[in-house]
Amino acid sequence: MMTQIMEAMRLGLRGRSWIPIGPSPLSKVIKYNGLVCAIAISPSNPNVVYVGTGGGGLWRTMDAGHFWQPLFDRQPTLGIGEPGGIAINPINPSILYVGTSVD
């Protein structure tokens, strides 16, 4: 199972250009708002990517990274655990498992 997930991630990232743009703190209180801790790519659609951040919650893109939607804004903690803080259910990709970290 893990091999299939890793292969889907490898194929989904092939040809993509990632540019480091953070972390860039919004304030002195929030130190790591841009830190990406976890990435998961849908095994059924490589355009659907989830990223978990150190202090900004869980985000999803459905168009290979052009637009991102926050999914985790109303949770008690916004820190997503690393490195495997996001898992996509291989049978039903609409189900996510997200591990949070303590802020």
N, C-alpha and C. Protein backbone atom coordinates (compact mmCIF):
# COMPACT_ATOMS: atom_id res chain seq x y z
N MET A 1 0.83 -1.19 0.00
CA MET A 1 0.00 0.00 0.00
C MET A 1 0.87 1.25 0.00
N MET A 2 1.87 1.33 0.89
CA MET A 2 2.71 2.50 0.98
C MET A 2 3.47 2.73 -0.33
N THR A 3 3.88 1.64 -0.99
CA THR A 3 4.59 1.77 -2.26
C THR A 3 3.70 2.43 -3.30
N GLN A 4 2.42 2.08 -3.35
CA GLN A 4 1.50 2.69 -4.30
C GLN A 4 1.32 4.16 -4.02
N ILE A 5 1.23 4.53 -2.76
CA ILE A 5 1.07 5.94 -2.39
C ILE A 5 2.31 6.73 -2.78
N MET A 6 3.49 6.18 -2.47
CA MET A 6 4.73 6.87 -2.82
C MET A 6 4.88 7.02 -4.33
N GLU A 7 4.49 6.01 -5.08
CA GLU A 7 4.55 6.09 -6.55
C GLU A 7 3.60 7.16 -7.07
N ALA A 8 2.40 7.25 -6.51
CA ALA A 8 1.44 8.29 -6.92
C ALA A 8 2.01 9.67 -6.62
N MET A 9 2.66 9.82 -5.47
CA MET A 9 3.27 11.11 -5.13
C MET A 9 4.39 11.44 -6.11
N ARG A 10 5.21 10.46 -6.44
CA ARG A 10 6.33 10.69 -7.35
C ARG A 10 5.81 11.11 -8.73
N LEU A 11 4.81 10.41 -9.24
CA LEU A 11 4.25 10.73 -10.54
C LEU A 11 3.53 12.07 -10.53
N GLY A 12 2.85 12.37 -9.43
CA GLY A 12 2.13 13.63 -9.33
C GLY A 12 3.03 14.84 -9.28
N LEU A 13 4.26 14.68 -8.76
CA LEU A 13 5.19 15.80 -8.66
C LEU A 13 6.10 15.94 -9.87
N ARG A 14 6.13 14.95 -10.73
CA ARG A 14 7.02 14.98 -11.89
C ARG A 14 6.63 16.16 -12.80
N GLY A 15 7.62 16.94 -13.18
CA GLY A 15 7.38 18.06 -14.08
C GLY A 15 6.89 19.32 -13.41
N ARG A 16 6.67 19.29 -12.11
CA ARG A 16 6.21 20.47 -11.39
C ARG A 16 7.41 21.28 -10.92
N SER A 17 7.28 22.58 -10.92
CA SER A 17 8.31 23.45 -10.38
C SER A 17 7.82 24.04 -9.08
N TRP A 18 8.56 23.80 -8.01
CA TRP A 18 8.21 24.34 -6.71
C TRP A 18 9.22 25.42 -6.37
N ILE A 19 8.74 26.56 -5.91
CA ILE A 19 9.60 27.68 -5.56
C ILE A 19 9.45 27.95 -4.07
N PRO A 20 10.55 27.95 -3.30
CA PRO A 20 10.43 28.25 -1.87
C PRO A 20 10.08 29.71 -1.65
N ILE A 21 8.99 29.94 -0.93
CA ILE A 21 8.56 31.31 -0.66
C ILE A 21 8.35 31.56 0.82
N GLY A 22 8.77 30.66 1.67
CA GLY A 22 8.55 30.87 3.10
C GLY A 22 9.43 29.93 3.89
N PRO A 23 9.32 29.88 5.17
CA PRO A 23 8.31 30.65 5.90
C PRO A 23 8.62 32.14 5.92
N SER A 24 7.55 32.89 5.92
CA SER A 24 7.66 34.34 6.00
C SER A 24 6.64 34.82 7.02
N PRO A 25 7.05 35.03 8.23
CA PRO A 25 6.11 35.34 9.31
C PRO A 25 5.22 36.55 9.03
N LEU A 26 3.95 36.41 9.39
CA LEU A 26 3.03 37.53 9.29
C LEU A 26 3.22 38.49 10.46
N SER A 27 3.68 37.95 11.57
CA SER A 27 3.89 38.77 12.76
C SER A 27 4.94 38.10 13.64
N LYS A 28 5.32 38.76 14.70
CA LYS A 28 6.29 38.17 15.63
C LYS A 28 5.67 37.04 16.45
N VAL A 29 4.34 37.01 16.54
CA VAL A 29 3.65 35.96 17.29
C VAL A 29 3.58 34.67 16.48
N ILE A 30 3.30 34.80 15.19
CA ILE A 30 3.20 33.63 14.31
C ILE A 30 4.53 33.52 13.56
N LYS A 31 5.36 32.57 13.98
CA LYS A 31 6.71 32.47 13.43
C LYS A 31 6.79 31.70 12.11
N TYR A 32 5.94 30.67 11.93
CA TYR A 32 6.15 29.73 10.84
C TYR A 32 4.92 29.56 9.96
N ASN A 33 4.24 30.61 9.60
CA ASN A 33 3.00 30.47 8.85
C ASN A 33 3.19 29.87 7.46
N GLY A 34 4.36 29.97 6.85
CA GLY A 34 4.57 29.45 5.51
C GLY A 34 5.21 28.08 5.46
N LEU A 35 5.49 27.47 6.61
CA LEU A 35 6.21 26.21 6.66
C LEU A 35 5.31 25.04 6.27
N VAL A 36 5.62 24.38 5.15
CA VAL A 36 4.87 23.19 4.72
C VAL A 36 5.51 21.97 5.36
N CYS A 37 4.71 21.23 6.12
CA CYS A 37 5.20 20.05 6.85
C CYS A 37 4.83 18.74 6.19
N ALA A 38 3.74 18.72 5.43
CA ALA A 38 3.26 17.46 4.85
C ALA A 38 2.61 17.74 3.51
N ILE A 39 2.79 16.81 2.58
CA ILE A 39 2.18 16.90 1.25
C ILE A 39 1.56 15.54 0.94
N ALA A 40 0.34 15.56 0.39
CA ALA A 40 -0.30 14.32 -0.08
C ALA A 40 -0.95 14.60 -1.42
N ILE A 41 -0.76 13.70 -2.37
CA ILE A 41 -1.32 13.83 -3.71
C ILE A 41 -2.35 12.72 -3.89
N SER A 42 -3.51 13.09 -4.41
CA SER A 42 -4.58 12.11 -4.61
C SER A 42 -4.11 11.00 -5.54
N PRO A 43 -4.32 9.74 -5.15
CA PRO A 43 -3.93 8.63 -6.02
C PRO A 43 -4.79 8.53 -7.27
N SER A 44 -5.97 9.13 -7.25
CA SER A 44 -6.86 9.04 -8.41
C SER A 44 -6.82 10.28 -9.29
N ASN A 45 -6.24 11.39 -8.79
CA ASN A 45 -6.17 12.62 -9.59
C ASN A 45 -4.96 13.43 -9.14
N PRO A 46 -3.87 13.42 -9.91
CA PRO A 46 -2.66 14.12 -9.49
C PRO A 46 -2.79 15.64 -9.45
N ASN A 47 -3.89 16.19 -9.94
CA ASN A 47 -4.14 17.63 -9.83
C ASN A 47 -4.64 18.02 -8.45
N VAL A 48 -5.06 17.04 -7.66
CA VAL A 48 -5.55 17.30 -6.31
C VAL A 48 -4.40 17.05 -5.33
N VAL A 49 -3.97 18.13 -4.69
CA VAL A 49 -2.83 18.07 -3.78
C VAL A 49 -3.25 18.71 -2.46
N TYR A 50 -2.84 18.11 -1.35
CA TYR A 50 -3.08 18.65 -0.02
C TYR A 50 -1.73 19.00 0.60
N VAL A 51 -1.66 20.14 1.28
CA VAL A 51 -0.47 20.48 2.04
C VAL A 51 -0.88 20.84 3.45
N GLY A 52 -0.07 20.39 4.39
CA GLY A 52 -0.26 20.74 5.79
C GLY A 52 0.86 21.67 6.20
N THR A 53 0.54 22.68 6.97
CA THR A 53 1.53 23.68 7.35
C THR A 53 1.78 23.69 8.85
N GLY A 54 2.89 24.30 9.22
CA GLY A 54 3.29 24.35 10.62
C GLY A 54 2.35 25.17 11.48
N GLY A 55 1.67 26.14 10.93
CA GLY A 55 0.76 26.96 11.72
C GLY A 55 -0.40 27.51 10.93
N GLY A 56 -0.56 27.06 9.70
CA GLY A 56 -1.62 27.60 8.84
C GLY A 56 -2.66 26.60 8.41
N GLY A 57 -2.63 25.40 9.00
CA GLY A 57 -3.67 24.42 8.74
C GLY A 57 -3.44 23.58 7.49
N LEU A 58 -4.54 23.08 6.96
CA LEU A 58 -4.57 22.18 5.81
C LEU A 58 -5.13 22.92 4.61
N TRP A 59 -4.47 22.75 3.45
CA TRP A 59 -4.88 23.41 2.22
C TRP A 59 -5.04 22.38 1.11
N ARG A 60 -5.94 22.68 0.14
CA ARG A 60 -6.15 21.78 -1.00
C ARG A 60 -6.15 22.59 -2.29
N THR A 61 -5.52 22.02 -3.30
CA THR A 61 -5.66 22.53 -4.65
C THR A 61 -6.29 21.43 -5.48
N MET A 62 -7.16 21.81 -6.39
CA MET A 62 -7.78 20.83 -7.28
C MET A 62 -7.36 21.06 -8.73
N ASP A 63 -6.45 22.04 -8.92
CA ASP A 63 -6.00 22.38 -10.27
C ASP A 63 -4.47 22.45 -10.35
N ALA A 64 -3.83 21.51 -9.69
CA ALA A 64 -2.36 21.36 -9.73
C ALA A 64 -1.61 22.56 -9.18
N GLY A 65 -2.21 23.27 -8.23
CA GLY A 65 -1.49 24.31 -7.53
C GLY A 65 -1.77 25.74 -7.94
N HIS A 66 -2.67 25.96 -8.86
CA HIS A 66 -2.97 27.33 -9.28
C HIS A 66 -3.77 28.09 -8.22
N PHE A 67 -4.74 27.43 -7.63
CA PHE A 67 -5.55 28.04 -6.58
C PHE A 67 -5.60 27.08 -5.39
N TRP A 68 -5.53 27.64 -4.17
CA TRP A 68 -5.54 26.85 -2.95
C TRP A 68 -6.70 27.25 -2.07
N GLN A 69 -7.31 26.26 -1.42
CA GLN A 69 -8.45 26.49 -0.53
C GLN A 69 -8.10 25.99 0.86
N PRO A 70 -8.28 26.83 1.90
CA PRO A 70 -8.04 26.35 3.27
C PRO A 70 -9.15 25.40 3.70
N LEU A 71 -8.79 24.31 4.36
CA LEU A 71 -9.78 23.32 4.80
C LEU A 71 -9.86 23.17 6.32
N PHE A 72 -8.99 23.84 7.05
CA PHE A 72 -8.80 23.51 8.46
C PHE A 72 -8.86 24.74 9.36
N ASP A 73 -9.46 25.82 8.89
CA ASP A 73 -9.40 27.10 9.60
C ASP A 73 -10.09 27.12 10.95
N ARG A 74 -11.05 26.28 11.20
CA ARG A 74 -11.83 26.37 12.42
C ARG A 74 -11.46 25.30 13.47
N GLN A 75 -10.29 24.71 13.34
CA GLN A 75 -9.85 23.67 14.27
C GLN A 75 -9.09 24.28 15.44
N PRO A 76 -9.06 23.59 16.59
CA PRO A 76 -8.38 24.14 17.77
C PRO A 76 -6.88 24.34 17.58
N THR A 77 -6.26 23.54 16.74
CA THR A 77 -4.84 23.72 16.43
C THR A 77 -4.66 23.70 14.93
N LEU A 78 -3.80 24.56 14.42
CA LEU A 78 -3.59 24.65 12.98
C LEU A 78 -2.31 23.97 12.53
N GLY A 79 -1.49 23.49 13.46
CA GLY A 79 -0.25 22.83 13.10
C GLY A 79 -0.50 21.41 12.63
N ILE A 80 -0.03 21.08 11.44
CA ILE A 80 -0.15 19.73 10.90
C ILE A 80 1.16 19.01 11.17
N GLY A 81 1.06 17.78 11.70
CA GLY A 81 2.26 17.01 12.03
C GLY A 81 3.09 16.68 10.82
N GLU A 82 4.35 16.36 11.08
CA GLU A 82 5.25 16.05 9.98
C GLU A 82 5.92 14.71 10.22
N PRO A 83 6.45 14.01 9.25
CA PRO A 83 6.30 14.32 7.84
C PRO A 83 5.04 13.73 7.23
N GLY A 84 4.42 12.77 7.90
CA GLY A 84 3.26 12.09 7.32
C GLY A 84 1.97 12.54 7.94
N GLY A 85 1.75 13.84 8.10
CA GLY A 85 0.57 14.35 8.78
C GLY A 85 -0.70 14.30 7.97
N ILE A 86 -0.61 13.91 6.69
CA ILE A 86 -1.80 13.81 5.83
C ILE A 86 -1.78 12.45 5.15
N ALA A 87 -2.90 11.76 5.20
CA ALA A 87 -3.04 10.49 4.48
C ALA A 87 -4.38 10.51 3.77
N ILE A 88 -4.39 10.04 2.54
CA ILE A 88 -5.62 9.95 1.74
C ILE A 88 -6.07 8.50 1.75
N ASN A 89 -7.34 8.29 2.05
CA ASN A 89 -7.90 6.94 2.04
C ASN A 89 -7.79 6.39 0.62
N PRO A 90 -7.09 5.27 0.41
CA PRO A 90 -6.90 4.75 -0.95
C PRO A 90 -8.17 4.21 -1.59
N ILE A 91 -9.16 3.86 -0.79
CA ILE A 91 -10.41 3.36 -1.35
C ILE A 91 -11.37 4.50 -1.66
N ASN A 92 -11.41 5.50 -0.78
CA ASN A 92 -12.28 6.66 -0.97
C ASN A 92 -11.43 7.93 -0.81
N PRO A 93 -10.89 8.49 -1.92
CA PRO A 93 -10.00 9.63 -1.84
C PRO A 93 -10.63 10.91 -1.27
N SER A 94 -11.93 10.91 -1.05
CA SER A 94 -12.55 12.09 -0.43
C SER A 94 -12.40 12.06 1.09
N ILE A 95 -11.86 10.96 1.64
CA ILE A 95 -11.62 10.86 3.08
C ILE A 95 -10.13 11.10 3.36
N LEU A 96 -9.86 12.08 4.23
CA LEU A 96 -8.49 12.40 4.62
C LEU A 96 -8.28 12.08 6.07
N TYR A 97 -7.06 11.73 6.42
CA TYR A 97 -6.64 11.56 7.80
C TYR A 97 -5.56 12.61 8.03
N VAL A 98 -5.76 13.45 9.04
CA VAL A 98 -4.85 14.56 9.29
C VAL A 98 -4.37 14.49 10.74
N GLY A 99 -3.06 14.46 10.91
CA GLY A 99 -2.47 14.47 12.24
C GLY A 99 -2.01 15.87 12.59
N THR A 100 -2.49 16.38 13.70
CA THR A 100 -2.09 17.73 14.10
C THR A 100 -0.95 17.68 15.09
N SER A 101 -0.29 18.79 15.21
CA SER A 101 0.76 18.92 16.21
C SER A 101 0.32 19.98 17.21
N VAL A 102 0.94 19.96 18.36
CA VAL A 102 0.58 20.90 19.40
C VAL A 102 1.27 22.23 19.14
N ASP A 103 0.49 23.30 19.17
CA ASP A 103 1.07 24.64 18.96
C ASP A 103 1.72 25.14 20.20
